[in-house]
Amino acid sequence: MSATVTDTMPGTGKPITISDRAAKRVAEILSGEDGGVMLRVSVSGGGCSGFQYGFSLDDTRANDDLVLEKVGATVLIDPVSVMYLEGSEIDFVDDLIGSAFKINNPNATASCGCGTSFSV
């Protein structure tokens, strides 16, 4: 098991972590961007299971964002998304099927085959 950076939003309880593989990949992506750009992870309504994960580059950090930092990688998560991601690990997988960020979310009661949407 890889070491992870852990951070907790005040009052939520369960930490959200980012794996070494994910932090390394985020740092690689951000190295090709202008300074101050970060990866934003979000949860929104939609997808085939009810909610979907979103990944985007963002140069604006809100005061209430949860910020995960590790080895040159900065990940932002808004407070509403934090509620759905409590206890989750943000990981990066690279296998025969392809490479992608993967959220290991203990709150998800079901998810689609591709892993980008879930239900609670």
PDB file of N, CA and C in Angstrom:
ATOM      1  N   MET A   1       0.857  -1.172   0.000  1.00  0.00           N
ATOM      2  CA  MET A   1       0.000   0.000   0.000  1.00  0.00           C
ATOM      3  C   MET A   1       0.898   1.228   0.000  1.00  0.00           C
ATOM      4  N   SER A   2       0.570   2.225  -0.807  1.00  0.00           N
ATOM      5  CA  SER A   2       1.390   3.419  -0.899  1.00  0.00           C
ATOM      6  C   SER A   2       1.012   4.411   0.188  1.00  0.00           C
ATOM      7  N   ALA A   3       1.981   5.233   0.542  1.00  0.00           N
ATOM      8  CA  ALA A   3       1.719   6.289   1.500  1.00  0.00           C
ATOM      9  C   ALA A   3       0.828   7.338   0.851  1.00  0.00           C
ATOM     10  N   THR A   4       0.024   8.002   1.642  1.00  0.00           N
ATOM     11  CA  THR A   4      -0.869   9.014   1.102  1.00  0.00           C
ATOM     12  C   THR A   4      -0.787  10.282   1.932  1.00  0.00           C
ATOM     13  N   VAL A   5      -1.093  11.393   1.303  1.00  0.00           N
ATOM     14  CA  VAL A   5      -1.257  12.640   2.016  1.00  0.00           C
ATOM     15  C   VAL A   5      -2.704  12.680   2.467  1.00  0.00           C
ATOM     16  N   THR A   6      -2.933  13.115   3.661  1.00  0.00           N
ATOM     17  CA  THR A   6      -4.274  13.132   4.221  1.00  0.00           C
ATOM     18  C   THR A   6      -4.617  14.544   4.658  1.00  0.00           C
ATOM     19  N   ASP A   7      -5.830  14.949   4.391  1.00  0.00           N
ATOM     20  CA  ASP A   7      -6.311  16.229   4.884  1.00  0.00           C
ATOM     21  C   ASP A   7      -7.785  16.061   5.199  1.00  0.00           C
ATOM     22  N   THR A   8      -8.255  16.798   6.172  1.00  0.00           N
ATOM     23  CA  THR A   8      -9.646  16.707   6.594  1.00  0.00           C
ATOM     24  C   THR A   8     -10.252  18.085   6.607  1.00  0.00           C
ATOM     25  N   MET A   9     -11.409  18.225   6.028  1.00  0.00           N
ATOM     26  CA  MET A   9     -12.150  19.475   6.076  1.00  0.00           C
ATOM     27  C   MET A   9     -12.710  19.592   7.486  1.00  0.00           C
ATOM     28  N   PRO A  10     -12.634  20.750   8.105  1.00  0.00           N
ATOM     29  CA  PRO A  10     -13.157  20.890   9.469  1.00  0.00           C
ATOM     30  C   PRO A  10     -14.608  20.435   9.578  1.00  0.00           C
ATOM     31  N   GLY A  11     -14.868  19.577  10.561  1.00  0.00           N
ATOM     32  CA  GLY A  11     -16.223  19.142  10.832  1.00  0.00           C
ATOM     33  C   GLY A  11     -16.695  17.927  10.045  1.00  0.00           C
ATOM     34  N   THR A  12     -15.921  17.424   9.098  1.00  0.00           N
ATOM     35  CA  THR A  12     -16.410  16.300   8.309  1.00  0.00           C
ATOM     36  C   THR A  12     -15.989  14.961   8.880  1.00  0.00           C
ATOM     37  N   GLY A  13     -14.789  14.871   9.426  1.00  0.00           N
ATOM     38  CA  GLY A  13     -14.391  13.645  10.081  1.00  0.00           C
ATOM     39  C   GLY A  13     -13.503  12.717   9.287  1.00  0.00           C
ATOM     40  N   LYS A  14     -13.953  12.192   8.170  1.00  0.00           N
ATOM     41  CA  LYS A  14     -13.188  11.191   7.442  1.00  0.00           C
ATOM     42  C   LYS A  14     -12.260  11.867   6.430  1.00  0.00           C
ATOM     43  N   PRO A  15     -10.959  11.538   6.462  1.00  0.00           N
ATOM     44  CA  PRO A  15     -10.011  12.189   5.564  1.00  0.00           C
ATOM     45  C   PRO A  15     -10.151  11.726   4.110  1.00  0.00           C
ATOM     46  N   ILE A  16      -9.784  12.606   3.217  1.00  0.00           N
ATOM     47  CA  ILE A  16      -9.662  12.285   1.800  1.00  0.00           C
ATOM     48  C   ILE A  16      -8.168  12.206   1.528  1.00  0.00           C
ATOM     49  N   THR A  17      -7.734  11.177   0.828  1.00  0.00           N
ATOM     50  CA  THR A  17      -6.312  10.979   0.591  1.00  0.00           C
ATOM     51  C   THR A  17      -6.004  10.960  -0.902  1.00  0.00           C
ATOM     52  N   ILE A  18      -4.736  11.175  -1.222  1.00  0.00           N
ATOM     53  CA  ILE A  18      -4.258  11.077  -2.596  1.00  0.00           C
ATOM     54  C   ILE A  18      -3.060  10.134  -2.591  1.00  0.00           C
ATOM     55  N   SER A  19      -3.099   9.143  -3.453  1.00  0.00           N
ATOM     56  CA  SER A  19      -2.027   8.152  -3.486  1.00  0.00           C
ATOM     57  C   SER A  19      -0.769   8.737  -4.113  1.00  0.00           C
ATOM     58  N   ASP A  20       0.346   8.060  -3.906  1.00  0.00           N
ATOM     59  CA  ASP A  20       1.610   8.476  -4.521  1.00  0.00           C
ATOM     60  C   ASP A  20       1.493   8.508  -6.045  1.00  0.00           C
ATOM     61  N   ARG A  21       0.840   7.481  -6.623  1.00  0.00           N
ATOM     62  CA  ARG A  21       0.691   7.429  -8.092  1.00  0.00           C
ATOM     63  C   ARG A  21      -0.104   8.615  -8.610  1.00  0.00           C
ATOM     64  N   ALA A  22      -1.199   8.955  -7.918  1.00  0.00           N
ATOM     65  CA  ALA A  22      -2.028  10.082  -8.343  1.00  0.00           C
ATOM     66  C   ALA A  22      -1.266  11.391  -8.198  1.00  0.00           C
ATOM     67  N   ALA A  23      -0.576  11.575  -7.092  1.00  0.00           N
ATOM     68  CA  ALA A  23       0.187  12.807  -6.885  1.00  0.00           C
ATOM     69  C   ALA A  23       1.253  12.968  -7.963  1.00  0.00           C
ATOM     70  N   LYS A  24       1.921  11.895  -8.300  1.00  0.00           N
ATOM     71  CA  LYS A  24       2.958  11.948  -9.343  1.00  0.00           C
ATOM     72  C   LYS A  24       2.341  12.346 -10.688  1.00  0.00           C
ATOM     73  N   ARG A  25       1.210  11.768 -11.037  1.00  0.00           N
ATOM     74  CA  ARG A  25       0.560  12.073 -12.324  1.00  0.00           C
ATOM     75  C   ARG A  25       0.031  13.511 -12.339  1.00  0.00           C
ATOM     76  N   VAL A  26      -0.540  13.970 -11.238  1.00  0.00           N
ATOM     77  CA  VAL A  26      -1.012  15.352 -11.156  1.00  0.00           C
ATOM     78  C   VAL A  26       0.167  16.303 -11.344  1.00  0.00           C
ATOM     79  N   ALA A  27       1.282  16.016 -10.673  1.00  0.00           N
ATOM     80  CA  ALA A  27       2.474  16.865 -10.800  1.00  0.00           C
ATOM     81  C   ALA A  27       2.963  16.893 -12.246  1.00  0.00           C
ATOM     82  N   GLU A  28       2.926  15.737 -12.938  1.00  0.00           N
ATOM     83  CA  GLU A  28       3.326  15.695 -14.348  1.00  0.00           C
ATOM     84  C   GLU A  28       2.417  16.569 -15.205  1.00  0.00           C
ATOM     85  N   ILE A  29       1.125  16.484 -14.983  1.00  0.00           N
ATOM     86  CA  ILE A  29       0.158  17.275 -15.746  1.00  0.00           C
ATOM     87  C   ILE A  29       0.372  18.762 -15.478  1.00  0.00           C
ATOM     88  N   LEU A  30       0.520  19.132 -14.205  1.00  0.00           N
ATOM     89  CA  LEU A  30       0.654  20.533 -13.843  1.00  0.00           C
ATOM     90  C   LEU A  30       1.981  21.136 -14.295  1.00  0.00           C
ATOM     91  N   SER A  31       3.002  20.303 -14.469  1.00  0.00           N
ATOM     92  CA  SER A  31       4.307  20.822 -14.904  1.00  0.00           C
ATOM     93  C   SER A  31       4.244  21.434 -16.294  1.00  0.00           C
ATOM     94  N   GLY A  32       3.277  21.034 -17.101  1.00  0.00           N
ATOM     95  CA  GLY A  32       3.113  21.576 -18.440  1.00  0.00           C
ATOM     96  C   GLY A  32       2.182  22.779 -18.490  1.00  0.00           C
ATOM     97  N   GLU A  33       1.714  23.235 -17.338  1.00  0.00           N
ATOM     98  CA  GLU A  33       0.769  24.351 -17.264  1.00  0.00           C
ATOM     99  C   GLU A  33       1.449  25.589 -16.684  1.00  0.00           C
ATOM    100  N   ASP A  34       0.779  26.730 -16.809  1.00  0.00           N
ATOM    101  CA  ASP A  34       1.255  27.961 -16.184  1.00  0.00           C
ATOM    102  C   ASP A  34       1.270  27.785 -14.669  1.00  0.00           C
ATOM    103  N   GLY A  35       2.137  28.526 -14.001  1.00  0.00           N
ATOM    104  CA  GLY A  35       2.210  28.471 -12.542  1.00  0.00           C
ATOM    105  C   GLY A  35       0.874  28.807 -11.909  1.00  0.00           C
ATOM    106  N   GLY A  36       0.570  28.176 -10.797  1.00  0.00           N
ATOM    107  CA  GLY A  36      -0.670  28.449 -10.089  1.00  0.00           C
ATOM    108  C   GLY A  36      -1.849  27.602 -10.510  1.00  0.00           C
ATOM    109  N   VAL A  37      -1.652  26.716 -11.490  1.00  0.00           N
ATOM    110  CA  VAL A  37      -2.742  25.846 -11.931  1.00  0.00           C
ATOM    111  C   VAL A  37      -2.774  24.605 -11.038  1.00  0.00           C
ATOM    112  N   MET A  38      -3.995  24.202 -10.646  1.00  0.00           N
ATOM    113  CA  MET A  38      -4.195  23.057  -9.771  1.00  0.00           C
ATOM    114  C   MET A  38      -5.241  22.128 -10.377  1.00  0.00           C
ATOM    115  N   LEU A  39      -5.277  20.887  -9.904  1.00  0.00           N
ATOM    116  CA  LEU A  39      -6.307  19.950 -10.345  1.00  0.00           C
ATOM    117  C   LEU A  39      -7.500  20.079  -9.412  1.00  0.00           C
ATOM    118  N   ARG A  40      -8.684  20.253  -9.987  1.00  0.00           N
ATOM    119  CA  ARG A  40      -9.910  20.304  -9.196  1.00  0.00           C
ATOM    120  C   ARG A  40     -10.658  18.991  -9.399  1.00  0.00           C
ATOM    121  N   VAL A  41     -11.007  18.348  -8.289  1.00  0.00           N
ATOM    122  CA  VAL A  41     -11.824  17.141  -8.299  1.00  0.00           C
ATOM    123  C   VAL A  41     -13.191  17.539  -7.762  1.00  0.00           C
ATOM    124  N   SER A  42     -14.248  17.146  -8.473  1.00  0.00           N
ATOM    125  CA  SER A  42     -15.589  17.542  -8.055  1.00  0.00           C
ATOM    126  C   SER A  42     -16.571  16.388  -8.237  1.00  0.00           C
ATOM    127  N   VAL A  43     -17.720  16.550  -7.618  1.00  0.00           N
ATOM    128  CA  VAL A  43     -18.834  15.616  -7.762  1.00  0.00           C
ATOM    129  C   VAL A  43     -20.033  16.439  -8.211  1.00  0.00           C
ATOM    130  N   SER A  44     -20.721  15.967  -9.239  1.00  0.00           N
ATOM    131  CA  SER A  44     -21.920  16.652  -9.712  1.00  0.00           C
ATOM    132  C   SER A  44     -22.986  15.625 -10.045  1.00  0.00           C
ATOM    133  N   GLY A  45     -24.220  16.090 -10.155  1.00  0.00           N
ATOM    134  CA  GLY A  45     -25.316  15.208 -10.535  1.00  0.00           C
ATOM    135  C   GLY A  45     -25.158  14.805 -11.987  1.00  0.00           C
ATOM    136  N   GLY A  46     -25.497  13.556 -12.297  1.00  0.00           N
ATOM    137  CA  GLY A  46     -25.417  13.082 -13.675  1.00  0.00           C
ATOM    138  C   GLY A  46     -24.749  11.729 -13.749  1.00  0.00           C
ATOM    139  N   GLY A  47     -24.378  11.343 -14.940  1.00  0.00           N
ATOM    140  CA  GLY A  47     -23.783  10.031 -15.133  1.00  0.00           C
ATOM    141  C   GLY A  47     -24.847   8.947 -15.072  1.00  0.00           C
ATOM    142  N   CYS A  48     -24.460   7.733 -15.346  1.00  0.00           N
ATOM    143  CA  CYS A  48     -25.434   6.652 -15.401  1.00  0.00           C
ATOM    144  C   CYS A  48     -25.821   6.125 -14.020  1.00  0.00           C
ATOM    145  N   SER A  49     -25.129   6.564 -12.960  1.00  0.00           N
ATOM    146  CA  SER A  49     -25.459   6.077 -11.614  1.00  0.00           C
ATOM    147  C   SER A  49     -25.974   7.161 -10.680  1.00  0.00           C
ATOM    148  N   GLY A  50     -26.136   8.383 -11.162  1.00  0.00           N
ATOM    149  CA  GLY A  50     -26.695   9.443 -10.329  1.00  0.00           C
ATOM    150  C   GLY A  50     -25.751  10.595 -10.053  1.00  0.00           C
ATOM    151  N   PHE A  51     -24.497  10.304  -9.735  1.00  0.00           N
ATOM    152  CA  PHE A  51     -23.471  11.326  -9.519  1.00  0.00           C
ATOM    153  C   PHE A  51     -22.276  10.981 -10.389  1.00  0.00           C
ATOM    154  N   GLN A  52     -21.500  12.004 -10.754  1.00  0.00           N
ATOM    155  CA  GLN A  52     -20.301  11.737 -11.544  1.00  0.00           C
ATOM    156  C   GLN A  52     -19.130  12.546 -11.009  1.00  0.00           C
ATOM    157  N   TYR A  53     -17.938  11.985 -11.174  1.00  0.00           N
ATOM    158  CA  TYR A  53     -16.715  12.658 -10.781  1.00  0.00           C
ATOM    159  C   TYR A  53     -16.279  13.569 -11.913  1.00  0.00           C
ATOM    160  N   GLY A  54     -15.712  14.708 -11.545  1.00  0.00           N
ATOM    161  CA  GLY A  54     -15.181  15.632 -12.530  1.00  0.00           C
ATOM    162  C   GLY A  54     -13.738  15.962 -12.200  1.00  0.00           C
ATOM    163  N   PHE A  55     -12.924  16.117 -13.230  1.00  0.00           N
ATOM    164  CA  PHE A  55     -11.518  16.480 -13.080  1.00  0.00           C
ATOM    165  C   PHE A  55     -11.259  17.636 -14.036  1.00  0.00           C
ATOM    166  N   SER A  56     -10.767  18.753 -13.514  1.00  0.00           N
ATOM    167  CA  SER A  56     -10.478  19.906 -14.364  1.00  0.00           C
ATOM    168  C   SER A  56      -9.281  20.675 -13.802  1.00  0.00           C
ATOM    169  N   LEU A  57      -8.678  21.471 -14.653  1.00  0.00           N
ATOM    170  CA  LEU A  57      -7.589  22.335 -14.216  1.00  0.00           C
ATOM    171  C   LEU A  57      -8.183  23.676 -13.814  1.00  0.00           C
ATOM    172  N   ASP A  58      -7.682  24.223 -12.720  1.00  0.00           N
ATOM    173  CA  ASP A  58      -8.242  25.450 -12.175  1.00  0.00           C
ATOM    174  C   ASP A  58      -7.113  26.309 -11.622  1.00  0.00           C
ATOM    175  N   ASP A  59      -7.180  27.608 -11.861  1.00  0.00           N
ATOM    176  CA  ASP A  59      -6.169  28.508 -11.304  1.00  0.00           C
ATOM    177  C   ASP A  59      -6.726  29.368 -10.175  1.00  0.00           C
ATOM    178  N   THR A  60      -7.943  29.032  -9.720  1.00  0.00           N
ATOM    179  CA  THR A  60      -8.581  29.790  -8.650  1.00  0.00           C
ATOM    180  C   THR A  60      -8.887  28.872  -7.471  1.00  0.00           C
ATOM    181  N   ARG A  61      -8.343  29.249  -6.333  1.00  0.00           N
ATOM    182  CA  ARG A  61      -8.588  28.496  -5.099  1.00  0.00           C
ATOM    183  C   ARG A  61      -9.564  29.280  -4.242  1.00  0.00           C
ATOM    184  N   ALA A  62     -10.709  28.675  -3.940  1.00  0.00           N
ATOM    185  CA  ALA A  62     -11.697  29.318  -3.076  1.00  0.00           C
ATOM    186  C   ALA A  62     -11.272  29.147  -1.616  1.00  0.00           C
ATOM    187  N   ASN A  63     -11.705  30.071  -0.782  1.00  0.00           N
ATOM    188  CA  ASN A  63     -11.350  30.020   0.641  1.00  0.00           C
ATOM    189  C   ASN A  63     -11.832  28.754   1.329  1.00  0.00           C
ATOM    190  N   ASP A  64     -12.940  28.185   0.855  1.00  0.00           N
ATOM    191  CA  ASP A  64     -13.491  27.004   1.515  1.00  0.00           C
ATOM    192  C   ASP A  64     -13.128  25.693   0.821  1.00  0.00           C
ATOM    193  N   ASP A  65     -12.222  25.736  -0.164  1.00  0.00           N
ATOM    194  CA  ASP A  65     -11.755  24.512  -0.815  1.00  0.00           C
ATOM    195  C   ASP A  65     -10.901  23.687   0.141  1.00  0.00           C
ATOM    196  N   LEU A  66     -11.042  22.378   0.061  1.00  0.00           N
ATOM    197  CA  LEU A  66     -10.105  21.465   0.697  1.00  0.00           C
ATOM    198  C   LEU A  66      -8.914  21.391  -0.243  1.00  0.00           C
ATOM    199  N   VAL A  67      -7.703  21.511   0.288  1.00  0.00           N
ATOM    200  CA  VAL A  67      -6.501  21.501  -0.532  1.00  0.00           C
ATOM    201  C   VAL A  67      -5.631  20.319  -0.113  1.00  0.00           C
ATOM    202  N   LEU A  68      -5.334  19.439  -1.060  1.00  0.00           N
ATOM    203  CA  LEU A  68      -4.410  18.331  -0.836  1.00  0.00           C
ATOM    204  C   LEU A  68      -3.135  18.662  -1.598  1.00  0.00           C
ATOM    205  N   GLU A  69      -1.993  18.607  -0.922  1.00  0.00           N
ATOM    206  CA  GLU A  69      -0.718  18.899  -1.574  1.00  0.00           C
ATOM    207  C   GLU A  69       0.253  17.764  -1.308  1.00  0.00           C
ATOM    208  N   LYS A  70       0.960  17.379  -2.388  1.00  0.00           N
ATOM    209  CA  LYS A  70       1.939  16.307  -2.265  1.00  0.00           C
ATOM    210  C   LYS A  70       2.860  16.339  -3.465  1.00  0.00           C
ATOM    211  N   VAL A  71       4.146  16.289  -3.244  1.00  0.00           N
ATOM    212  CA  VAL A  71       5.200  16.235  -4.269  1.00  0.00           C
ATOM    213  C   VAL A  71       4.912  17.070  -5.523  1.00  0.00           C
ATOM    214  N   GLY A  72       4.609  18.339  -5.338  1.00  0.00           N
ATOM    215  CA  GLY A  72       4.374  19.221  -6.465  1.00  0.00           C
ATOM    216  C   GLY A  72       2.973  19.173  -7.032  1.00  0.00           C
ATOM    217  N   ALA A  73       2.108  18.391  -6.428  1.00  0.00           N
ATOM    218  CA  ALA A  73       0.726  18.264  -6.891  1.00  0.00           C
ATOM    219  C   ALA A  73      -0.192  18.989  -5.916  1.00  0.00           C
ATOM    220  N   THR A  74      -1.104  19.782  -6.462  1.00  0.00           N
ATOM    221  CA  THR A  74      -2.117  20.434  -5.636  1.00  0.00           C
ATOM    222  C   THR A  74      -3.483  20.053  -6.177  1.00  0.00           C
ATOM    223  N   VAL A  75      -4.325  19.503  -5.303  1.00  0.00           N
ATOM    224  CA  VAL A  75      -5.677  19.083  -5.664  1.00  0.00           C
ATOM    225  C   VAL A  75      -6.663  19.890  -4.828  1.00  0.00           C
ATOM    226  N   LEU A  76      -7.656  20.469  -5.495  1.00  0.00           N
ATOM    227  CA  LEU A  76      -8.702  21.248  -4.838  1.00  0.00           C
ATOM    228  C   LEU A  76     -10.013  20.471  -4.862  1.00  0.00           C
ATOM    229  N   ILE A  77     -10.769  20.549  -3.760  1.00  0.00           N
ATOM    230  CA  ILE A  77     -12.087  19.921  -3.701  1.00  0.00           C
ATOM    231  C   ILE A  77     -13.029  20.897  -3.004  1.00  0.00           C
ATOM    232  N   ASP A  78     -14.148  21.216  -3.655  1.00  0.00           N
ATOM    233  CA  ASP A  78     -15.115  22.149  -3.070  1.00  0.00           C
ATOM    234  C   ASP A  78     -15.865  21.468  -1.923  1.00  0.00           C
ATOM    235  N   PRO A  79     -16.446  22.256  -1.000  1.00  0.00           N
ATOM    236  CA  PRO A  79     -17.099  21.688   0.191  1.00  0.00           C
ATOM    237  C   PRO A  79     -18.251  20.724  -0.099  1.00  0.00           C
ATOM    238  N   VAL A  80     -19.042  20.978  -1.137  1.00  0.00           N
ATOM    239  CA  VAL A  80     -20.154  20.070  -1.454  1.00  0.00           C
ATOM    240  C   VAL A  80     -19.605  18.724  -1.909  1.00  0.00           C
ATOM    241  N   SER A  81     -18.580  18.737  -2.740  1.00  0.00           N
ATOM    242  CA  SER A  81     -17.976  17.485  -3.209  1.00  0.00           C
ATOM    243  C   SER A  81     -17.316  16.733  -2.064  1.00  0.00           C
ATOM    244  N   VAL A  82     -16.745  17.462  -1.105  1.00  0.00           N
ATOM    245  CA  VAL A  82     -16.105  16.821   0.056  1.00  0.00           C
ATOM    246  C   VAL A  82     -17.098  15.908   0.771  1.00  0.00           C
ATOM    247  N   MET A  83     -18.362  16.341   0.868  1.00  0.00           N
ATOM    248  CA  MET A  83     -19.375  15.527   1.555  1.00  0.00           C
ATOM    249  C   MET A  83     -19.525  14.152   0.903  1.00  0.00           C
ATOM    250  N   TYR A  84     -19.424  14.090  -0.421  1.00  0.00           N
ATOM    251  CA  TYR A  84     -19.578  12.825  -1.142  1.00  0.00           C
ATOM    252  C   TYR A  84     -18.272  12.028  -1.207  1.00  0.00           C
ATOM    253  N   LEU A  85     -17.155  12.695  -0.941  1.00  0.00           N
ATOM    254  CA  LEU A  85     -15.849  12.048  -1.066  1.00  0.00           C
ATOM    255  C   LEU A  85     -15.213  11.692   0.272  1.00  0.00           C
ATOM    256  N   GLU A  86     -15.898  11.944   1.387  1.00  0.00           N
ATOM    257  CA  GLU A  86     -15.330  11.630   2.697  1.00  0.00           C
ATOM    258  C   GLU A  86     -14.803  10.198   2.728  1.00  0.00           C
ATOM    259  N   GLY A  87     -13.579  10.039   3.193  1.00  0.00           N
ATOM    260  CA  GLY A  87     -12.981   8.716   3.318  1.00  0.00           C
ATOM    261  C   GLY A  87     -12.443   8.139   2.020  1.00  0.00           C
ATOM    262  N   SER A  88     -12.516   8.888   0.930  1.00  0.00           N
ATOM    263  CA  SER A  88     -12.081   8.389  -0.379  1.00  0.00           C
ATOM    264  C   SER A  88     -10.579   8.532  -0.587  1.00  0.00           C
ATOM    265  N   GLU A  89     -10.069   7.720  -1.498  1.00  0.00           N
ATOM    266  CA  GLU A  89      -8.689   7.846  -1.961  1.00  0.00           C
ATOM    267  C   GLU A  89      -8.724   8.194  -3.444  1.00  0.00           C
ATOM    268  N   ILE A  90      -8.000   9.235  -3.816  1.00  0.00           N
ATOM    269  CA  ILE A  90      -7.822   9.585  -5.218  1.00  0.00           C
ATOM    270  C   ILE A  90      -6.584   8.836  -5.680  1.00  0.00           C
ATOM    271  N   ASP A  91      -6.750   7.986  -6.686  1.00  0.00           N
ATOM    272  CA  ASP A  91      -5.663   7.141  -7.170  1.00  0.00           C
ATOM    273  C   ASP A  91      -5.513   7.345  -8.672  1.00  0.00           C
ATOM    274  N   PHE A  92      -4.450   6.810  -9.226  1.00  0.00           N
ATOM    275  CA  PHE A  92      -4.233   6.830 -10.668  1.00  0.00           C
ATOM    276  C   PHE A  92      -3.864   5.414 -11.085  1.00  0.00           C
ATOM    277  N   VAL A  93      -4.585   4.880 -12.062  1.00  0.00           N
ATOM    278  CA  VAL A  93      -4.305   3.530 -12.545  1.00  0.00           C
ATOM    279  C   VAL A  93      -3.839   3.592 -13.998  1.00  0.00           C
ATOM    280  N   ASP A  94      -2.895   2.745 -14.313  1.00  0.00           N
ATOM    281  CA  ASP A  94      -2.346   2.651 -15.666  1.00  0.00           C
ATOM    282  C   ASP A  94      -2.232   1.165 -15.982  1.00  0.00           C
ATOM    283  N   ASP A  95      -3.215   0.647 -16.735  1.00  0.00           N
ATOM    284  CA  ASP A  95      -3.223  -0.774 -17.043  1.00  0.00           C
ATOM    285  C   ASP A  95      -3.525  -0.995 -18.520  1.00  0.00           C
ATOM    286  N   LEU A  96      -3.777  -2.228 -18.911  1.00  0.00           N
ATOM    287  CA  LEU A  96      -4.018  -2.558 -20.312  1.00  0.00           C
ATOM    288  C   LEU A  96      -5.246  -1.863 -20.890  1.00  0.00           C
ATOM    289  N   ILE A  97      -6.222  -1.583 -20.064  1.00  0.00           N
ATOM    290  CA  ILE A  97      -7.453  -0.941 -20.526  1.00  0.00           C
ATOM    291  C   ILE A  97      -7.233   0.541 -20.778  1.00  0.00           C
ATOM    292  N   GLY A  98      -6.301   1.141 -20.058  1.00  0.00           N
ATOM    293  CA  GLY A  98      -6.015   2.562 -20.208  1.00  0.00           C
ATOM    294  C   GLY A  98      -5.564   3.151 -18.890  1.00  0.00           C
ATOM    295  N   SER A  99      -5.306   4.432 -18.899  1.00  0.00           N
ATOM    296  CA  SER A  99      -4.888   5.099 -17.678  1.00  0.00           C
ATOM    297  C   SER A  99      -5.895   6.187 -17.328  1.00  0.00           C
ATOM    298  N   ALA A 100      -6.144   6.336 -16.021  1.00  0.00           N
ATOM    299  CA  ALA A 100      -7.136   7.312 -15.572  1.00  0.00           C
ATOM    300  C   ALA A 100      -7.035   7.499 -14.070  1.00  0.00           C
ATOM    301  N   PHE A 101      -7.535   8.643 -13.621  1.00  0.00           N
ATOM    302  CA  PHE A 101      -7.692   8.828 -12.194  1.00  0.00           C
ATOM    303  C   PHE A 101      -8.875   7.977 -11.750  1.00  0.00           C
ATOM    304  N   LYS A 102      -8.759   7.417 -10.563  1.00  0.00           N
ATOM    305  CA  LYS A 102      -9.813   6.557 -10.025  1.00  0.00           C
ATOM    306  C   LYS A 102     -10.079   6.994  -8.588  1.00  0.00           C
ATOM    307  N   ILE A 103     -11.349   7.115  -8.260  1.00  0.00           N
ATOM    308  CA  ILE A 103     -11.750   7.461  -6.897  1.00  0.00           C
ATOM    309  C   ILE A 103     -12.210   6.185  -6.203  1.00  0.00           C
ATOM    310  N   ASN A 104     -11.506   5.800  -5.152  1.00  0.00           N
ATOM    311  CA  ASN A 104     -11.924   4.671  -4.325  1.00  0.00           C
ATOM    312  C   ASN A 104     -12.786   5.252  -3.217  1.00  0.00           C
ATOM    313  N   ASN A 105     -14.114   5.218  -3.445  1.00  0.00           N
ATOM    314  CA  ASN A 105     -15.062   5.915  -2.597  1.00  0.00           C
ATOM    315  C   ASN A 105     -15.868   4.920  -1.751  1.00  0.00           C
ATOM    316  N   PRO A 106     -15.651   4.911  -0.426  1.00  0.00           N
ATOM    317  CA  PRO A 106     -16.401   3.988   0.426  1.00  0.00           C
ATOM    318  C   PRO A 106     -17.873   4.366   0.576  1.00  0.00           C
ATOM    319  N   ASN A 107     -18.250   5.576   0.156  1.00  0.00           N
ATOM    320  CA  ASN A 107     -19.640   6.028   0.263  1.00  0.00           C
ATOM    321  C   ASN A 107     -20.502   5.555  -0.898  1.00  0.00           C
ATOM    322  N   ALA A 108     -19.876   5.121  -1.984  1.00  0.00           N
ATOM    323  CA  ALA A 108     -20.615   4.703  -3.178  1.00  0.00           C
ATOM    324  C   ALA A 108     -21.257   3.341  -2.938  1.00  0.00           C
ATOM    325  N   THR A 109     -22.558   3.271  -3.152  1.00  0.00           N
ATOM    326  CA  THR A 109     -23.259   2.001  -3.003  1.00  0.00           C
ATOM    327  C   THR A 109     -23.327   1.254  -4.328  1.00  0.00           C
ATOM    328  N   ALA A 110     -23.125   1.982  -5.432  1.00  0.00           N
ATOM    329  CA  ALA A 110     -23.093   1.379  -6.766  1.00  0.00           C
ATOM    330  C   ALA A 110     -22.306   2.319  -7.665  1.00  0.00           C
ATOM    331  N   SER A 111     -21.721   1.761  -8.721  1.00  0.00           N
ATOM    332  CA  SER A 111     -21.008   2.597  -9.688  1.00  0.00           C
ATOM    333  C   SER A 111     -21.146   1.980 -11.060  1.00  0.00           C
ATOM    334  N   CYS A 112     -20.859   2.789 -12.072  1.00  0.00           N
ATOM    335  CA  CYS A 112     -20.944   2.284 -13.428  1.00  0.00           C
ATOM    336  C   CYS A 112     -19.690   1.487 -13.772  1.00  0.00           C
ATOM    337  N   GLY A 113     -19.691   0.825 -14.884  1.00  0.00           N
ATOM    338  CA  GLY A 113     -18.566  -0.004 -15.288  1.00  0.00           C
ATOM    339  C   GLY A 113     -17.282   0.771 -15.500  1.00  0.00           C
ATOM    340  N   CYS A 114     -17.385   2.010 -15.970  1.00  0.00           N
ATOM    341  CA  CYS A 114     -16.166   2.779 -16.235  1.00  0.00           C
ATOM    342  C   CYS A 114     -15.640   3.473 -14.983  1.00  0.00           C
ATOM    343  N   GLY A 115     -16.429   3.522 -13.910  1.00  0.00           N
ATOM    344  CA  GLY A 115     -15.976   4.096 -12.663  1.00  0.00           C
ATOM    345  C   GLY A 115     -16.069   5.610 -12.559  1.00  0.00           C
ATOM    346  N   THR A 116     -16.717   6.256 -13.524  1.00  0.00           N
ATOM    347  CA  THR A 116     -16.807   7.718 -13.460  1.00  0.00           C
ATOM    348  C   THR A 116     -18.101   8.205 -12.823  1.00  0.00           C
ATOM    349  N   SER A 117     -19.063   7.322 -12.601  1.00  0.00           N
ATOM    350  CA  SER A 117     -20.275   7.743 -11.909  1.00  0.00           C
ATOM    351  C   SER A 117     -20.614   6.746 -10.807  1.00  0.00           C
ATOM    352  N   PHE A 118     -21.401   7.227  -9.843  1.00  0.00           N
ATOM    353  CA  PHE A 118     -21.705   6.406  -8.665  1.00  0.00           C
ATOM    354  C   PHE A 118     -23.021   6.851  -8.059  1.00  0.00           C
ATOM    355  N   SER A 119     -23.532   6.052  -7.148  1.00  0.00           N
ATOM    356  CA  SER A 119     -24.714   6.424  -6.374  1.00  0.00           C
ATOM    357  C   SER A 119     -24.394   6.213  -4.896  1.00  0.00           C
ATOM    358  N   VAL A 120     -25.140   6.922  -4.057  1.00  0.00           N
ATOM    359  CA  VAL A 120     -24.939   6.800  -2.603  1.00  0.00           C
ATOM    360  C   VAL A 120     -26.235   6.386  -1.941  1.00  0.00           C
TER     361      VAL A 120
END
